Amino acid sequence: MGSTRRQAPDLRGIVNYYFYVAANWTRISEEQEAYRRQIKDREEWASRSLAQQAELHDLALQRTTAELAEWRYLAEQASEQQGTTAARLEQAINALLRAQEAIEARNNAWADCTILLAVLLQTESPASRQLLYQHMDELTSAGVERVIARIAEISQRPTRPGLSALAGLDPP
């Protein structure tokens, strides 16, 4: 059985190797120098790439931070404007409601005055009414005329006996 032992190099192999190295020393040293330069160039390229990557990262971070600040500012402005707009809208709505209440109160007062004037003018002669109508606006005089006509219509209708007639309280 064979054992695998490592054999020591013989003298002839060492001499051949020595002569090979001596004969090709210039080429071998140039190749080693080229290999060292490649390693150095790669290390420089790697460090430049890392520096450039860090620079790009810093620029991107600065740009993102600036954009974020701008978006925050815009959001705050929009929020303030929305609050201001909502407050103004609320004020406008309240003003409109107050104006509507005032208009309704004036309309009710006008209607009451028109009815009262119609009741008072109902007993006056048509000539006296015409004299007074000349000092009124068209809307008021037309309203008074309608109320007077309605009062006359109601007073000319015969009244029907109501429930009190059934109970015998109203005379026939």
Foldseek 3Di string as FASTA:
>chain_A
DDDDDDDDDDPVVVVVVVVVCVVCVVVVVVVVVVVVVVVVVVVVVVVVVVVVVVVVVVVVVVVVVVVVVVVVVVVVVVVVVVVVVVVVVVVVVVVVVVVVVVVVVVVVVLLVVLLVVLVVCLPPDPVVLVVVVVVPDPVSSVSSVVNSVVVVVVVPDDDDDDVCVVVVNDDD
